[in-house]
Amino acid sequence: MSNFDKRPQQTLYMSQDHLRKAILIAIDLLNGSSLKKNDEGFCSVDGLCERIKSIDPELAYINRNHVVELFFKDKDRKIFVTGYDDIKYKEIRYVQPPETLYFGTLNKLVGKMKQFGLRSSTKGYLKLYGTPELAADFARKFMSCPEDRVVVLSIDALGAFSSGMKFSTFKNNEYIVVRIDQKFIKGDVK
């Protein structure tokens, strides 16, 4: 093992100990009832940050960037962040998906997705849906100009699962996966 391999992982925190403490406090708070949560169980990143600071004076320097870092340091992907505003912790249940799932996107992104597969650039996970209609509803949220058109991609979810991809679910007809390789994209749903 080289010295490079022994270096601690970079962090915004003052020490690895502070990072570990923040993760433990955050998980405890996110699992508890002391934070105000929305219907999906998310709470405010800023609210969580303030509560962590109030619990441990050594962490009084942290800000929202420190809290968002917890998502990126979470190897098990149990901490979810929506954009930059909401956060939650969820025990993951891995499941076998149905044979086909659907991913909603915009026409301008389809070419790259078919070439490189599906990856999340912000959340670290993708949402796939059990019906084309649910996938289309998801994609409509991202329409920003008149040229945007919703495209629903059919995904060979069982093939991806058989190749080792882990799927989880928290809601009916909604599945979460880290990525989908291009070979599992069957095509557009007409």
N, C-alpha and C. Protein backbone atom coordinates (compact mmCIF):
# COMPACT_ATOMS: atom_id res chain seq x y z
N MET A 1 0.86 -1.18 0.00
CA MET A 1 0.00 0.00 0.00
C MET A 1 0.90 1.24 0.00
N SER A 2 0.65 2.16 -0.89
CA SER A 2 1.44 3.38 -0.97
C SER A 2 1.00 4.39 0.09
N ASN A 3 1.83 5.42 0.31
CA ASN A 3 1.45 6.48 1.24
C ASN A 3 0.21 7.21 0.77
N PHE A 4 0.02 7.28 -0.55
CA PHE A 4 -1.16 7.94 -1.11
C PHE A 4 -2.43 7.24 -0.61
N ASP A 5 -2.39 5.91 -0.56
CA ASP A 5 -3.56 5.15 -0.13
C ASP A 5 -3.88 5.36 1.34
N LYS A 6 -2.90 5.78 2.15
CA LYS A 6 -3.09 5.94 3.58
C LYS A 6 -3.59 7.32 3.97
N ARG A 7 -3.57 8.27 3.03
CA ARG A 7 -4.01 9.63 3.38
C ARG A 7 -5.49 9.63 3.69
N PRO A 8 -5.90 10.44 4.68
CA PRO A 8 -7.33 10.52 4.97
C PRO A 8 -8.08 11.20 3.82
N GLN A 9 -9.32 10.82 3.68
CA GLN A 9 -10.17 11.39 2.65
C GLN A 9 -10.33 12.89 2.91
N GLN A 10 -10.27 13.70 1.85
CA GLN A 10 -10.42 15.14 2.02
C GLN A 10 -11.83 15.47 2.50
N THR A 11 -11.92 16.52 3.30
CA THR A 11 -13.19 16.93 3.85
C THR A 11 -13.18 18.42 4.13
N LEU A 12 -14.35 19.02 4.16
CA LEU A 12 -14.49 20.42 4.55
C LEU A 12 -14.39 20.57 6.07
N TYR A 13 -14.58 19.47 6.78
CA TYR A 13 -14.54 19.51 8.25
C TYR A 13 -13.11 19.71 8.72
N MET A 14 -12.96 20.23 9.95
CA MET A 14 -11.63 20.48 10.51
C MET A 14 -10.85 19.19 10.76
N SER A 15 -11.57 18.09 10.92
CA SER A 15 -10.91 16.80 11.14
C SER A 15 -11.85 15.67 10.74
N GLN A 16 -11.27 14.48 10.56
CA GLN A 16 -12.09 13.31 10.28
C GLN A 16 -13.01 13.00 11.47
N ASP A 17 -12.53 13.29 12.68
CA ASP A 17 -13.35 13.09 13.87
C ASP A 17 -14.59 13.97 13.83
N HIS A 18 -14.44 15.21 13.41
CA HIS A 18 -15.59 16.11 13.29
C HIS A 18 -16.58 15.59 12.24
N LEU A 19 -16.05 15.08 11.14
CA LEU A 19 -16.91 14.51 10.09
C LEU A 19 -17.70 13.34 10.66
N ARG A 20 -17.04 12.42 11.36
CA ARG A 20 -17.72 11.27 11.94
C ARG A 20 -18.79 11.70 12.93
N LYS A 21 -18.48 12.69 13.79
CA LYS A 21 -19.45 13.19 14.75
C LYS A 21 -20.66 13.80 14.05
N ALA A 22 -20.41 14.58 13.01
CA ALA A 22 -21.50 15.21 12.28
C ALA A 22 -22.41 14.17 11.63
N ILE A 23 -21.82 13.11 11.06
CA ILE A 23 -22.63 12.06 10.45
C ILE A 23 -23.52 11.39 11.50
N LEU A 24 -22.95 11.04 12.63
CA LEU A 24 -23.73 10.38 13.68
C LEU A 24 -24.86 11.27 14.19
N ILE A 25 -24.56 12.54 14.42
CA ILE A 25 -25.60 13.48 14.88
C ILE A 25 -26.67 13.64 13.81
N ALA A 26 -26.26 13.80 12.56
CA ALA A 26 -27.22 14.00 11.46
C ALA A 26 -28.15 12.80 11.32
N ILE A 27 -27.59 11.60 11.36
CA ILE A 27 -28.41 10.39 11.23
C ILE A 27 -29.40 10.31 12.38
N ASP A 28 -28.95 10.60 13.60
CA ASP A 28 -29.84 10.58 14.75
C ASP A 28 -30.98 11.60 14.58
N LEU A 29 -30.63 12.81 14.15
CA LEU A 29 -31.65 13.85 13.96
C LEU A 29 -32.60 13.50 12.81
N LEU A 30 -32.07 12.99 11.70
CA LEU A 30 -32.90 12.67 10.55
C LEU A 30 -33.84 11.50 10.83
N ASN A 31 -33.41 10.59 11.70
CA ASN A 31 -34.27 9.46 12.08
C ASN A 31 -35.28 9.83 13.15
N GLY A 32 -35.04 10.90 13.87
CA GLY A 32 -35.90 11.31 14.97
C GLY A 32 -37.05 12.20 14.52
N SER A 33 -37.71 12.80 15.48
CA SER A 33 -38.87 13.63 15.17
C SER A 33 -38.66 15.10 15.55
N SER A 34 -37.42 15.47 15.89
CA SER A 34 -37.20 16.84 16.35
C SER A 34 -37.06 17.85 15.21
N LEU A 35 -36.91 17.38 13.98
CA LEU A 35 -36.81 18.28 12.82
C LEU A 35 -38.13 18.31 12.07
N LYS A 36 -38.49 19.48 11.57
CA LYS A 36 -39.70 19.61 10.76
C LYS A 36 -39.44 18.95 9.40
N LYS A 37 -40.33 18.03 9.01
CA LYS A 37 -40.16 17.28 7.76
C LYS A 37 -41.38 17.46 6.86
N ASN A 38 -41.14 17.39 5.55
CA ASN A 38 -42.26 17.49 4.61
C ASN A 38 -42.91 16.11 4.43
N ASP A 39 -43.87 16.01 3.52
CA ASP A 39 -44.63 14.76 3.32
C ASP A 39 -43.75 13.59 2.91
N GLU A 40 -42.62 13.86 2.26
CA GLU A 40 -41.73 12.79 1.81
C GLU A 40 -40.62 12.48 2.82
N GLY A 41 -40.65 13.14 3.98
CA GLY A 41 -39.67 12.87 5.02
C GLY A 41 -38.40 13.70 4.94
N PHE A 42 -38.36 14.68 4.02
CA PHE A 42 -37.19 15.54 3.90
C PHE A 42 -37.30 16.71 4.87
N CYS A 43 -36.13 17.14 5.37
CA CYS A 43 -36.09 18.35 6.17
C CYS A 43 -35.11 19.32 5.52
N SER A 44 -35.09 20.52 5.98
CA SER A 44 -34.23 21.57 5.43
C SER A 44 -32.77 21.31 5.77
N VAL A 45 -31.89 21.45 4.78
CA VAL A 45 -30.44 21.35 5.01
C VAL A 45 -30.02 22.40 6.03
N ASP A 46 -30.52 23.62 5.89
CA ASP A 46 -30.17 24.69 6.84
C ASP A 46 -30.65 24.37 8.25
N GLY A 47 -31.86 23.80 8.35
CA GLY A 47 -32.38 23.42 9.67
C GLY A 47 -31.54 22.35 10.33
N LEU A 48 -31.12 21.36 9.56
CA LEU A 48 -30.26 20.31 10.09
C LEU A 48 -28.92 20.89 10.52
N CYS A 49 -28.38 21.77 9.71
CA CYS A 49 -27.10 22.41 10.03
C CYS A 49 -27.19 23.13 11.37
N GLU A 50 -28.24 23.91 11.58
CA GLU A 50 -28.41 24.66 12.83
C GLU A 50 -28.54 23.73 14.03
N ARG A 51 -29.28 22.62 13.86
CA ARG A 51 -29.45 21.68 14.98
C ARG A 51 -28.13 21.00 15.33
N ILE A 52 -27.33 20.62 14.31
CA ILE A 52 -26.03 19.99 14.58
C ILE A 52 -25.15 20.96 15.37
N LYS A 53 -25.13 22.22 14.94
CA LYS A 53 -24.31 23.24 15.63
C LYS A 53 -24.77 23.44 17.07
N SER A 54 -26.07 23.36 17.31
CA SER A 54 -26.58 23.57 18.67
C SER A 54 -26.29 22.37 19.57
N ILE A 55 -26.14 21.19 19.00
CA ILE A 55 -25.87 19.98 19.79
C ILE A 55 -24.39 19.86 20.16
N ASP A 56 -23.51 20.20 19.22
CA ASP A 56 -22.07 20.03 19.47
C ASP A 56 -21.33 21.33 19.19
N PRO A 57 -20.90 22.04 20.22
CA PRO A 57 -20.20 23.32 20.04
C PRO A 57 -18.92 23.21 19.20
N GLU A 58 -18.28 22.03 19.17
CA GLU A 58 -17.09 21.86 18.33
C GLU A 58 -17.42 21.99 16.85
N LEU A 59 -18.69 21.79 16.49
CA LEU A 59 -19.12 21.85 15.09
C LEU A 59 -19.80 23.18 14.76
N ALA A 60 -19.61 24.18 15.61
CA ALA A 60 -20.27 25.48 15.43
C ALA A 60 -19.87 26.17 14.13
N TYR A 61 -18.80 25.76 13.50
CA TYR A 61 -18.31 26.39 12.27
C TYR A 61 -18.98 25.86 11.00
N ILE A 62 -19.74 24.77 11.11
CA ILE A 62 -20.25 24.15 9.88
C ILE A 62 -21.32 25.02 9.22
N ASN A 63 -21.46 24.82 7.92
CA ASN A 63 -22.50 25.49 7.14
C ASN A 63 -23.18 24.46 6.24
N ARG A 64 -24.06 24.92 5.37
CA ARG A 64 -24.82 23.99 4.52
C ARG A 64 -23.91 23.14 3.64
N ASN A 65 -22.75 23.64 3.24
CA ASN A 65 -21.83 22.85 2.42
C ASN A 65 -21.32 21.63 3.20
N HIS A 66 -21.09 21.80 4.50
CA HIS A 66 -20.66 20.68 5.33
C HIS A 66 -21.76 19.62 5.42
N VAL A 67 -23.00 20.07 5.56
CA VAL A 67 -24.11 19.13 5.67
C VAL A 67 -24.31 18.39 4.35
N VAL A 68 -24.23 19.09 3.24
CA VAL A 68 -24.37 18.43 1.93
C VAL A 68 -23.23 17.43 1.72
N GLU A 69 -22.05 17.72 2.25
CA GLU A 69 -20.92 16.78 2.12
C GLU A 69 -21.26 15.42 2.73
N LEU A 70 -22.11 15.40 3.76
CA LEU A 70 -22.49 14.13 4.38
C LEU A 70 -23.08 13.18 3.34
N PHE A 71 -23.83 13.72 2.39
CA PHE A 71 -24.42 12.92 1.32
C PHE A 71 -23.31 12.25 0.50
N PHE A 72 -22.28 13.02 0.14
CA PHE A 72 -21.21 12.49 -0.70
C PHE A 72 -20.31 11.51 0.06
N LYS A 73 -20.23 11.60 1.38
CA LYS A 73 -19.39 10.71 2.17
C LYS A 73 -20.14 9.45 2.61
N ASP A 74 -21.44 9.41 2.35
CA ASP A 74 -22.27 8.28 2.77
C ASP A 74 -22.13 7.14 1.76
N LYS A 75 -21.31 6.16 2.08
CA LYS A 75 -21.05 5.04 1.16
C LYS A 75 -22.29 4.22 0.88
N ASP A 76 -23.20 4.13 1.83
CA ASP A 76 -24.39 3.30 1.66
C ASP A 76 -25.53 4.02 0.95
N ARG A 77 -25.35 5.29 0.66
CA ARG A 77 -26.37 6.10 0.00
C ARG A 77 -27.70 6.07 0.76
N LYS A 78 -27.61 6.24 2.08
CA LYS A 78 -28.81 6.32 2.90
C LYS A 78 -29.21 7.77 3.16
N ILE A 79 -28.27 8.69 2.94
CA ILE A 79 -28.57 10.11 3.10
C ILE A 79 -28.89 10.64 1.71
N PHE A 80 -30.09 11.19 1.55
CA PHE A 80 -30.51 11.73 0.26
C PHE A 80 -30.60 13.25 0.34
N VAL A 81 -30.14 13.93 -0.69
CA VAL A 81 -30.24 15.38 -0.79
C VAL A 81 -30.97 15.70 -2.08
N THR A 82 -31.99 16.57 -1.99
CA THR A 82 -32.66 17.02 -3.20
C THR A 82 -32.08 18.38 -3.55
N GLY A 83 -31.40 18.42 -4.68
CA GLY A 83 -30.77 19.68 -5.06
C GLY A 83 -29.82 20.11 -3.97
N TYR A 84 -30.11 21.22 -3.34
CA TYR A 84 -29.22 21.77 -2.32
C TYR A 84 -30.02 22.20 -1.09
N ASP A 85 -31.31 21.84 -1.05
CA ASP A 85 -32.17 22.39 -0.01
C ASP A 85 -32.73 21.40 1.00
N ASP A 86 -33.00 20.17 0.59
CA ASP A 86 -33.65 19.21 1.48
C ASP A 86 -32.80 17.96 1.63
N ILE A 87 -32.92 17.32 2.81
CA ILE A 87 -32.11 16.15 3.12
C ILE A 87 -32.94 15.17 3.94
N LYS A 88 -32.68 13.87 3.77
CA LYS A 88 -33.31 12.87 4.62
C LYS A 88 -32.42 11.63 4.69
N TYR A 89 -32.70 10.80 5.66
CA TYR A 89 -31.99 9.53 5.86
C TYR A 89 -33.03 8.44 5.75
N LYS A 90 -32.73 7.44 4.97
CA LYS A 90 -33.69 6.37 4.76
C LYS A 90 -32.97 5.03 4.76
N GLU A 91 -33.49 4.11 5.54
CA GLU A 91 -32.95 2.75 5.51
C GLU A 91 -33.29 2.16 4.14
N ILE A 92 -32.29 1.64 3.48
CA ILE A 92 -32.48 1.16 2.11
C ILE A 92 -32.92 -0.29 2.10
N ARG A 93 -33.97 -0.56 1.32
CA ARG A 93 -34.42 -1.94 1.07
C ARG A 93 -34.12 -2.23 -0.38
N TYR A 94 -33.25 -3.19 -0.62
CA TYR A 94 -32.96 -3.57 -2.00
C TYR A 94 -34.00 -4.58 -2.45
N VAL A 95 -34.45 -4.42 -3.69
CA VAL A 95 -35.50 -5.27 -4.23
C VAL A 95 -35.15 -5.69 -5.65
N GLN A 96 -35.81 -6.74 -6.09
CA GLN A 96 -35.71 -7.12 -7.50
C GLN A 96 -36.76 -6.30 -8.25
N PRO A 97 -36.35 -5.54 -9.27
CA PRO A 97 -37.31 -4.70 -10.00
C PRO A 97 -38.13 -5.53 -10.97
N PRO A 98 -39.20 -4.95 -11.49
CA PRO A 98 -39.92 -5.63 -12.57
C PRO A 98 -39.05 -5.69 -13.82
N GLU A 99 -39.48 -6.42 -14.81
CA GLU A 99 -38.69 -6.59 -16.03
C GLU A 99 -38.37 -5.26 -16.70
N THR A 100 -39.36 -4.37 -16.77
CA THR A 100 -39.18 -3.09 -17.44
C THR A 100 -39.56 -1.95 -16.51
N LEU A 101 -38.72 -0.93 -16.49
CA LEU A 101 -39.03 0.32 -15.80
C LEU A 101 -38.86 1.45 -16.81
N TYR A 102 -39.26 2.68 -16.41
CA TYR A 102 -39.26 3.79 -17.34
C TYR A 102 -38.56 5.00 -16.73
N PHE A 103 -37.86 5.73 -17.58
CA PHE A 103 -37.16 6.94 -17.17
C PHE A 103 -37.64 8.09 -18.03
N GLY A 104 -38.11 9.16 -17.40
CA GLY A 104 -38.57 10.34 -18.13
C GLY A 104 -37.47 11.37 -18.24
N THR A 105 -37.31 11.93 -19.43
CA THR A 105 -36.28 12.93 -19.67
C THR A 105 -36.76 13.90 -20.75
N LEU A 106 -35.89 14.77 -21.19
CA LEU A 106 -36.21 15.73 -22.24
C LEU A 106 -35.50 15.33 -23.53
N ASN A 107 -36.10 15.67 -24.65
CA ASN A 107 -35.58 15.29 -25.96
C ASN A 107 -34.13 15.69 -26.19
N LYS A 108 -33.71 16.82 -25.65
CA LYS A 108 -32.35 17.30 -25.88
C LYS A 108 -31.29 16.46 -25.16
N LEU A 109 -31.69 15.59 -24.24
CA LEU A 109 -30.75 14.79 -23.46
C LEU A 109 -30.68 13.33 -23.91
N VAL A 110 -31.63 12.91 -24.72
CA VAL A 110 -31.75 11.50 -25.08
C VAL A 110 -30.52 10.95 -25.78
N GLY A 111 -29.94 11.70 -26.73
CA GLY A 111 -28.79 11.22 -27.49
C GLY A 111 -27.62 10.84 -26.59
N LYS A 112 -27.28 11.71 -25.66
CA LYS A 112 -26.17 11.42 -24.73
C LYS A 112 -26.50 10.25 -23.82
N MET A 113 -27.76 10.17 -23.40
CA MET A 113 -28.15 9.07 -22.51
C MET A 113 -28.02 7.73 -23.23
N LYS A 114 -28.46 7.68 -24.48
CA LYS A 114 -28.35 6.43 -25.23
C LYS A 114 -26.90 6.07 -25.51
N GLN A 115 -26.05 7.07 -25.60
CA GLN A 115 -24.63 6.83 -25.88
C GLN A 115 -23.86 6.45 -24.61
N PHE A 116 -24.14 7.13 -23.49
CA PHE A 116 -23.34 6.95 -22.28
C PHE A 116 -24.08 6.30 -21.12
N GLY A 117 -25.38 6.10 -21.25
CA GLY A 117 -26.16 5.55 -20.16
C GLY A 117 -26.73 6.66 -19.29
N LEU A 118 -27.43 6.26 -18.24
CA LEU A 118 -28.08 7.21 -17.34
C LEU A 118 -27.24 7.37 -16.08
N ARG A 119 -26.93 8.60 -15.75
CA ARG A 119 -26.17 8.94 -14.55
C ARG A 119 -26.79 10.18 -13.92
N SER A 120 -26.74 10.29 -12.63
CA SER A 120 -27.21 11.50 -11.97
C SER A 120 -26.03 12.41 -11.72
N SER A 121 -26.17 13.65 -12.07
CA SER A 121 -25.08 14.60 -11.84
C SER A 121 -25.25 15.35 -10.52
N THR A 122 -26.40 15.22 -9.90
CA THR A 122 -26.63 15.98 -8.67
C THR A 122 -26.93 15.12 -7.45
N LYS A 123 -27.82 14.17 -7.57
CA LYS A 123 -28.28 13.44 -6.40
C LYS A 123 -27.49 12.17 -6.10
N GLY A 124 -26.85 11.60 -7.09
CA GLY A 124 -26.14 10.35 -6.87
C GLY A 124 -27.00 9.13 -7.11
N TYR A 125 -28.25 9.34 -7.49
CA TYR A 125 -29.13 8.24 -7.82
C TYR A 125 -30.15 8.69 -8.86
N LEU A 126 -30.79 7.72 -9.50
CA LEU A 126 -31.81 7.97 -10.51
C LEU A 126 -33.15 7.43 -10.03
N LYS A 127 -34.22 8.05 -10.49
CA LYS A 127 -35.56 7.53 -10.22
C LYS A 127 -36.10 6.91 -11.50
N LEU A 128 -36.49 5.65 -11.40
CA LEU A 128 -37.15 4.95 -12.49
C LEU A 128 -38.57 4.64 -12.03
N TYR A 129 -39.48 4.57 -12.99
CA TYR A 129 -40.89 4.42 -12.65
C TYR A 129 -41.50 3.17 -13.27
N GLY A 130 -42.56 2.69 -12.63
CA GLY A 130 -43.24 1.49 -13.07
C GLY A 130 -44.15 1.69 -14.27
N THR A 131 -44.49 2.95 -14.56
CA THR A 131 -45.35 3.23 -15.71
C THR A 131 -44.77 4.38 -16.53
N PRO A 132 -45.01 4.37 -17.84
CA PRO A 132 -44.54 5.49 -18.67
C PRO A 132 -45.15 6.83 -18.25
N GLU A 133 -46.38 6.80 -17.76
CA GLU A 133 -47.06 8.03 -17.36
C GLU A 133 -46.37 8.70 -16.17
N LEU A 134 -45.98 7.90 -15.19
CA LEU A 134 -45.27 8.46 -14.03
C LEU A 134 -43.91 9.02 -14.44
N ALA A 135 -43.22 8.33 -15.34
CA ALA A 135 -41.93 8.82 -15.83
C ALA A 135 -42.10 10.14 -16.59
N ALA A 136 -43.15 10.23 -17.39
CA ALA A 136 -43.41 11.47 -18.14
C ALA A 136 -43.73 12.62 -17.18
N ASP A 137 -44.52 12.34 -16.14
CA ASP A 137 -44.84 13.38 -15.15
C ASP A 137 -43.57 13.91 -14.49
N PHE A 138 -42.64 13.01 -14.18
CA PHE A 138 -41.36 13.40 -13.59
C PHE A 138 -40.60 14.32 -14.54
N ALA A 139 -40.52 13.96 -15.81
CA ALA A 139 -39.75 14.74 -16.80
C ALA A 139 -40.36 16.12 -17.04
N ARG A 140 -41.67 16.24 -16.95
CA ARG A 140 -42.33 17.54 -17.20
C ARG A 140 -41.84 18.63 -16.23
N LYS A 141 -41.37 18.24 -15.07
CA LYS A 141 -40.88 19.22 -14.09
C LYS A 141 -39.67 20.00 -14.62
N PHE A 142 -38.98 19.43 -15.61
CA PHE A 142 -37.74 20.03 -16.09
C PHE A 142 -37.89 20.79 -17.40
N MET A 143 -39.11 20.88 -17.90
CA MET A 143 -39.34 21.62 -19.14
C MET A 143 -39.17 23.11 -18.86
N SER A 144 -38.32 23.75 -19.67
CA SER A 144 -38.05 25.17 -19.43
C SER A 144 -38.22 26.04 -20.66
N CYS A 145 -38.39 25.45 -21.84
CA CYS A 145 -38.59 26.25 -23.04
C CYS A 145 -39.54 25.52 -23.99
N PRO A 146 -40.13 26.23 -24.95
CA PRO A 146 -41.12 25.63 -25.85
C PRO A 146 -40.59 24.46 -26.68
N GLU A 147 -39.27 24.40 -26.90
CA GLU A 147 -38.70 23.32 -27.70
C GLU A 147 -38.59 22.02 -26.92
N ASP A 148 -38.68 22.09 -25.60
CA ASP A 148 -38.56 20.89 -24.78
C ASP A 148 -39.73 19.95 -25.04
N ARG A 149 -39.40 18.68 -25.18
CA ARG A 149 -40.40 17.64 -25.38
C ARG A 149 -40.04 16.49 -24.44
N VAL A 150 -41.04 15.92 -23.81
CA VAL A 150 -40.82 14.80 -22.89
C VAL A 150 -40.62 13.52 -23.69
N VAL A 151 -39.59 12.77 -23.30
CA VAL A 151 -39.32 11.46 -23.89
C VAL A 151 -39.24 10.46 -22.74
N VAL A 152 -39.89 9.33 -22.91
CA VAL A 152 -39.84 8.27 -21.91
C VAL A 152 -39.02 7.12 -22.48
N LEU A 153 -37.98 6.75 -21.74
CA LEU A 153 -37.12 5.64 -22.15
C LEU A 153 -37.53 4.37 -21.42
N SER A 154 -37.57 3.28 -22.16
CA SER A 154 -37.86 1.97 -21.60
C SER A 154 -36.53 1.35 -21.16
N ILE A 155 -36.49 0.85 -19.94
CA ILE A 155 -35.26 0.33 -19.34
C ILE A 155 -35.41 -1.16 -19.04
N ASP A 156 -34.41 -1.94 -19.44
CA ASP A 156 -34.37 -3.37 -19.10
C ASP A 156 -33.86 -3.48 -17.66
N ALA A 157 -34.78 -3.27 -16.72
CA ALA A 157 -34.42 -3.23 -15.31
C ALA A 157 -33.98 -4.60 -14.81
N LEU A 158 -34.63 -5.65 -15.26
CA LEU A 158 -34.26 -6.99 -14.81
C LEU A 158 -32.86 -7.35 -15.32
N GLY A 159 -32.52 -6.93 -16.54
CA GLY A 159 -31.17 -7.16 -17.06
C GLY A 159 -30.13 -6.42 -16.25
N ALA A 160 -30.43 -5.16 -15.89
CA ALA A 160 -29.50 -4.36 -15.08
C ALA A 160 -29.34 -5.00 -13.70
N PHE A 161 -30.44 -5.47 -13.13
CA PHE A 161 -30.42 -6.13 -11.83
C PHE A 161 -29.57 -7.41 -11.90
N SER A 162 -29.76 -8.19 -12.95
CA SER A 162 -29.01 -9.44 -13.13
C SER A 162 -27.51 -9.19 -13.29
N SER A 163 -27.16 -8.00 -13.80
CA SER A 163 -25.74 -7.68 -13.97
C SER A 163 -25.11 -7.12 -12.69
N GLY A 164 -25.90 -6.98 -11.63
CA GLY A 164 -25.35 -6.54 -10.34
C GLY A 164 -25.82 -5.19 -9.85
N MET A 165 -26.62 -4.47 -10.63
CA MET A 165 -27.13 -3.17 -10.17
C MET A 165 -28.13 -3.40 -9.04
N LYS A 166 -28.04 -2.56 -8.00
CA LYS A 166 -28.95 -2.67 -6.86
C LYS A 166 -30.07 -1.65 -7.01
N PHE A 167 -31.29 -2.12 -6.85
CA PHE A 167 -32.48 -1.28 -6.93
C PHE A 167 -33.10 -1.21 -5.55
N SER A 168 -33.63 -0.04 -5.21
CA SER A 168 -34.36 0.10 -3.97
C SER A 168 -35.66 0.84 -4.27
N THR A 169 -36.59 0.75 -3.34
CA THR A 169 -37.87 1.43 -3.54
C THR A 169 -38.39 1.92 -2.20
N PHE A 170 -39.03 3.08 -2.24
CA PHE A 170 -39.64 3.65 -1.04
C PHE A 170 -41.12 3.95 -1.28
N LYS A 171 -41.50 4.06 -2.56
CA LYS A 171 -42.87 4.37 -2.94
C LYS A 171 -43.31 3.36 -3.99
N ASN A 172 -44.61 3.15 -4.09
CA ASN A 172 -45.13 2.28 -5.14
C ASN A 172 -44.77 2.85 -6.51
N ASN A 173 -44.31 1.99 -7.40
CA ASN A 173 -43.99 2.34 -8.79
C ASN A 173 -42.84 3.32 -8.93
N GLU A 174 -42.00 3.49 -7.90
CA GLU A 174 -40.82 4.35 -8.00
C GLU A 174 -39.61 3.58 -7.48
N TYR A 175 -38.58 3.47 -8.31
CA TYR A 175 -37.38 2.71 -7.97
C TYR A 175 -36.17 3.62 -8.06
N ILE A 176 -35.19 3.33 -7.22
CA ILE A 176 -33.97 4.13 -7.19
C ILE A 176 -32.80 3.22 -7.53
N VAL A 177 -31.90 3.73 -8.38
CA VAL A 177 -30.71 3.00 -8.79
C VAL A 177 -29.60 4.03 -8.99
N VAL A 178 -28.36 3.61 -8.84
CA VAL A 178 -27.23 4.54 -8.97
C VAL A 178 -27.01 4.95 -10.42
N ARG A 179 -27.10 4.00 -11.34
CA ARG A 179 -26.89 4.31 -12.76
C ARG A 179 -27.52 3.21 -13.60
N ILE A 180 -27.66 3.49 -14.88
CA ILE A 180 -28.11 2.49 -15.85
C ILE A 180 -27.18 2.58 -17.05
N ASP A 181 -26.49 1.49 -17.36
CA ASP A 181 -25.60 1.47 -18.52
C ASP A 181 -26.42 1.50 -19.80
N GLN A 182 -25.82 2.05 -20.87
CA GLN A 182 -26.54 2.24 -22.14
C GLN A 182 -27.10 0.94 -22.70
N LYS A 183 -26.47 -0.19 -22.44
CA LYS A 183 -26.95 -1.47 -22.99
C LYS A 183 -28.31 -1.87 -22.42
N PHE A 184 -28.73 -1.24 -21.30
CA PHE A 184 -30.02 -1.57 -20.72
C PHE A 184 -31.12 -0.58 -21.12
N ILE A 185 -30.81 0.39 -21.95
CA ILE A 185 -31.83 1.31 -22.46
C ILE A 185 -32.41 0.68 -23.73
N LYS A 186 -33.68 0.24 -23.64
CA LYS A 186 -34.32 -0.45 -24.77
C LYS A 186 -34.73 0.52 -25.86
N GLY A 187 -35.10 1.73 -25.50
CA GLY A 187 -35.53 2.71 -26.50
C GLY A 187 -36.63 3.59 -25.97
N ASP A 188 -37.16 4.45 -26.87
CA ASP A 188 -38.23 5.38 -26.52
C ASP A 188 -39.57 4.65 -26.47
N VAL A 189 -40.41 5.09 -25.56
CA VAL A 189 -41.78 4.60 -25.51
C VAL A 189 -42.60 5.51 -26.40
N LYS A 190 -43.31 4.96 -27.33
CA LYS A 190 -44.13 5.77 -28.26
C LYS A 190 -45.50 6.01 -27.70
